[in-house]
Amino acid sequence: MIKQTLGGLLRALIKSNSKAWDLILPYAEFAYNMAPSTTTFLSPFKIVYGVDPLGPLDLISWPLDEKPSVEAGKRVEEIKHLHEQVKLKTEKSNASYQAEANKHKRRVVFQLGDLVWIHLRKERFPSKRKSKLMPRVDGPFEVLERVNDNAYKVNLPGDYGVSATFN
């Protein structure tokens, strides 16, 4: 994501002057570090340093709402509070992404003695998947042990040559 964003930003800044791309990099870096994230609504610079850097419009004299405090202890507490806010916003955003991704997933828990099919991936079963025309699944195999809700030990014949624990 960062690579795409920076690539688009550099293409927009450079346009026809492609031989001077190295002179544009500091401006691209400044622009990227000033742009607020969609997750935290804060810029990377503000997250790290606690304040946004001064831009051209900041040189106009008007009263600033937030000024960094002179006392170091108070400043440390401000930065810690800011980092806690960023962490909470990131966790909330991740939870919403996870809920959206898992919306159509159904939870399946197998019991001992259930019969299951195993997926024959080429990486794990190279001898069983030599071509794309060979079967993708094999089974049914009996569940011998439940490691957790997502991992099970199955009654796998010895000719497979892999661990009998699957997720």
Protein backbone atom coordinates (compact mmCIF):
# COMPACT_ATOMS: atom_id res chain seq x y z
CA MET A 1 0.00 0.00 0.00
CA ILE A 2 2.77 2.43 0.89
CA LYS A 3 4.61 1.53 -2.32
CA GLN A 4 1.52 2.32 -4.42
CA THR A 5 0.91 5.58 -2.58
CA LEU A 6 4.48 6.77 -2.94
CA GLY A 7 4.62 5.66 -6.58
CA GLY A 8 1.48 7.63 -7.41
CA LEU A 9 2.76 10.64 -5.48
CA LEU A 10 6.11 10.62 -7.29
CA ARG A 11 4.43 10.22 -10.69
CA ALA A 12 2.20 13.19 -9.92
CA LEU A 13 5.11 15.37 -8.76
CA ILE A 14 7.58 14.43 -11.49
CA LYS A 15 5.29 14.37 -14.56
CA SER A 16 7.49 15.57 -17.45
CA ASN A 17 10.68 16.28 -15.47
CA SER A 18 11.78 12.66 -15.03
CA LYS A 19 15.51 13.40 -14.95
CA ALA A 20 15.23 15.42 -11.71
CA TRP A 21 13.35 12.80 -9.67
CA ASP A 22 16.02 12.86 -6.95
CA LEU A 23 15.37 16.56 -6.35
CA ILE A 24 11.64 15.87 -5.88
CA LEU A 25 12.12 13.14 -3.22
CA PRO A 26 12.26 15.50 -0.20
CA TYR A 27 8.98 17.11 -1.28
CA ALA A 28 7.36 13.71 -1.76
CA GLU A 29 8.58 12.59 1.67
CA PHE A 30 7.24 15.77 3.28
CA ALA A 31 3.87 15.40 1.53
CA TYR A 32 3.58 11.72 2.51
CA ASN A 33 4.51 12.40 6.14
CA MET A 34 1.96 15.25 6.31
CA ALA A 35 -0.94 13.23 4.86
CA PRO A 36 -3.31 11.83 7.51
CA SER A 37 -3.85 8.07 7.59
CA THR A 38 -7.33 6.72 6.93
CA THR A 39 -7.00 4.51 10.01
CA THR A 40 -5.76 6.99 12.61
CA PHE A 41 -6.72 10.30 10.98
CA LEU A 42 -3.25 11.53 11.98
CA SER A 43 -0.13 12.06 9.91
CA PRO A 44 2.92 9.81 10.45
CA PHE A 45 4.88 12.90 11.53
CA LYS A 46 2.30 13.77 14.19
CA ILE A 47 2.32 10.18 15.50
CA VAL A 48 6.10 10.16 15.89
CA TYR A 49 6.80 13.71 17.05
CA GLY A 50 3.46 14.81 18.48
CA VAL A 51 3.11 17.85 16.21
CA ASP A 52 2.82 18.40 12.50
CA PRO A 53 5.78 20.17 10.88
CA LEU A 54 5.36 23.77 9.84
CA GLY A 55 4.22 24.26 6.28
CA PRO A 56 3.94 27.42 4.22
CA LEU A 57 0.53 28.32 5.68
CA ASP A 58 1.84 27.90 9.21
CA LEU A 59 4.23 30.81 8.71
CA ILE A 60 1.26 33.19 8.75
CA SER A 61 0.90 34.52 12.27
CA TRP A 62 -2.28 33.33 13.94
CA PRO A 63 -2.79 31.72 17.33
CA LEU A 64 -2.06 28.00 17.47
CA ASP A 65 -4.54 25.83 19.35
CA GLU A 66 -2.00 23.26 20.49
CA LYS A 67 1.52 24.20 21.44
CA PRO A 68 4.09 21.67 22.59
CA SER A 69 4.68 22.08 26.30
CA VAL A 70 8.05 23.19 27.58
CA GLU A 71 8.14 20.65 30.41
CA ALA A 72 9.62 17.33 29.26
CA GLY A 73 7.49 15.19 31.59
CA LYS A 74 4.30 16.79 30.37
CA ARG A 75 5.43 16.38 26.77
CA VAL A 76 6.15 12.66 27.31
CA GLU A 77 2.64 12.18 28.70
CA GLU A 78 1.14 13.98 25.67
CA ILE A 79 3.03 11.68 23.29
CA LYS A 80 2.04 8.56 25.29
CA HIS A 81 -1.60 9.64 25.19
CA LEU A 82 -1.34 10.24 21.45
CA HIS A 83 0.18 6.77 20.92
CA GLU A 84 -2.61 5.18 22.98
CA GLN A 85 -5.20 6.94 20.80
CA VAL A 86 -3.44 5.74 17.63
CA LYS A 87 -3.31 2.18 18.97
CA LEU A 88 -7.04 2.21 19.82
CA LYS A 89 -7.98 3.62 16.41
CA THR A 90 -5.80 1.05 14.65
CA GLU A 91 -7.32 -1.82 16.64
CA LYS A 92 -10.82 -0.55 15.89
CA SER A 93 -10.02 -0.26 12.19
CA ASN A 94 -8.48 -3.75 12.13
CA ALA A 95 -11.53 -5.18 13.89
CA SER A 96 -13.86 -3.66 11.28
CA TYR A 97 -11.68 -5.03 8.44
CA GLN A 98 -11.68 -8.46 10.11
CA ALA A 99 -15.46 -8.42 10.57
CA GLU A 100 -15.92 -7.53 6.90
CA ALA A 101 -13.50 -10.24 5.72
CA ASN A 102 -15.07 -12.93 7.92
CA LYS A 103 -18.67 -11.94 7.19
CA HIS A 104 -19.40 -15.00 5.03
CA LYS A 105 -17.12 -17.47 6.83
CA ARG A 106 -18.82 -20.20 8.73
CA ARG A 107 -17.27 -21.70 11.81
CA VAL A 108 -16.87 -25.49 11.67
CA VAL A 109 -15.70 -27.52 14.68
CA PHE A 110 -15.11 -31.24 14.16
CA GLN A 111 -15.50 -33.89 16.85
CA LEU A 112 -13.51 -37.11 17.39
CA GLY A 113 -14.57 -39.73 14.88
CA ASP A 114 -15.83 -37.25 12.25
CA LEU A 115 -14.78 -37.91 8.67
CA VAL A 116 -12.96 -35.07 6.88
CA TRP A 117 -11.36 -34.43 3.52
CA ILE A 118 -7.86 -32.96 3.24
CA HIS A 119 -6.79 -30.39 0.67
CA LEU A 120 -3.75 -31.57 -1.32
CA ARG A 121 -1.63 -28.45 -1.81
CA LYS A 122 1.35 -28.79 -4.15
CA GLU A 123 3.73 -27.41 -1.50
CA ARG A 124 2.74 -29.96 1.12
CA PHE A 125 1.97 -32.97 -1.12
CA PRO A 126 4.31 -32.78 -4.13
CA SER A 127 3.92 -36.50 -4.95
CA LYS A 128 0.10 -36.31 -4.88
CA ARG A 129 -0.24 -33.13 -6.98
CA LYS A 130 2.17 -33.54 -9.90
CA SER A 131 -0.27 -32.01 -12.38
CA LYS A 132 -3.35 -29.86 -12.21
CA LEU A 133 -5.45 -32.77 -13.44
CA MET A 134 -4.80 -34.86 -10.32
CA PRO A 135 -7.38 -34.71 -7.49
CA ARG A 136 -7.27 -31.65 -5.23
CA VAL A 137 -8.68 -33.43 -2.18
CA ASP A 138 -8.36 -36.86 -0.64
CA GLY A 139 -10.27 -38.71 1.99
CA PRO A 140 -12.40 -39.17 3.94
CA PHE A 141 -10.10 -39.52 6.96
CA GLU A 142 -11.15 -39.95 10.58
CA VAL A 143 -10.42 -37.20 13.12
CA LEU A 144 -8.27 -38.76 15.87
CA GLU A 145 -7.49 -35.74 18.05
CA ARG A 146 -8.61 -32.14 18.35
CA VAL A 147 -5.60 -29.87 18.93
CA ASN A 148 -7.74 -26.69 18.99
CA ASP A 149 -10.76 -25.31 17.12
CA ASN A 150 -8.70 -24.94 13.97
CA ALA A 151 -6.23 -27.87 14.11
CA TYR A 152 -6.96 -31.57 14.04
CA LYS A 153 -4.95 -34.79 13.89
CA VAL A 154 -6.37 -37.18 11.30
CA ASN A 155 -5.83 -40.89 10.62
CA LEU A 156 -3.50 -40.41 7.64
CA PRO A 157 -1.91 -43.45 5.94
CA GLY A 158 1.91 -43.66 6.08
CA ASP A 159 2.47 -43.25 2.32
CA TYR A 160 1.76 -39.51 2.52
CA GLY A 161 5.01 -38.77 4.42
CA VAL A 162 3.72 -35.62 6.16
CA SER A 163 2.46 -34.70 9.60
CA ALA A 164 -1.07 -35.87 10.31
CA THR A 165 -2.06 -32.53 11.91
CA PHE A 166 -4.10 -30.18 9.69
CA ASN A 167 -5.94 -26.90 10.07
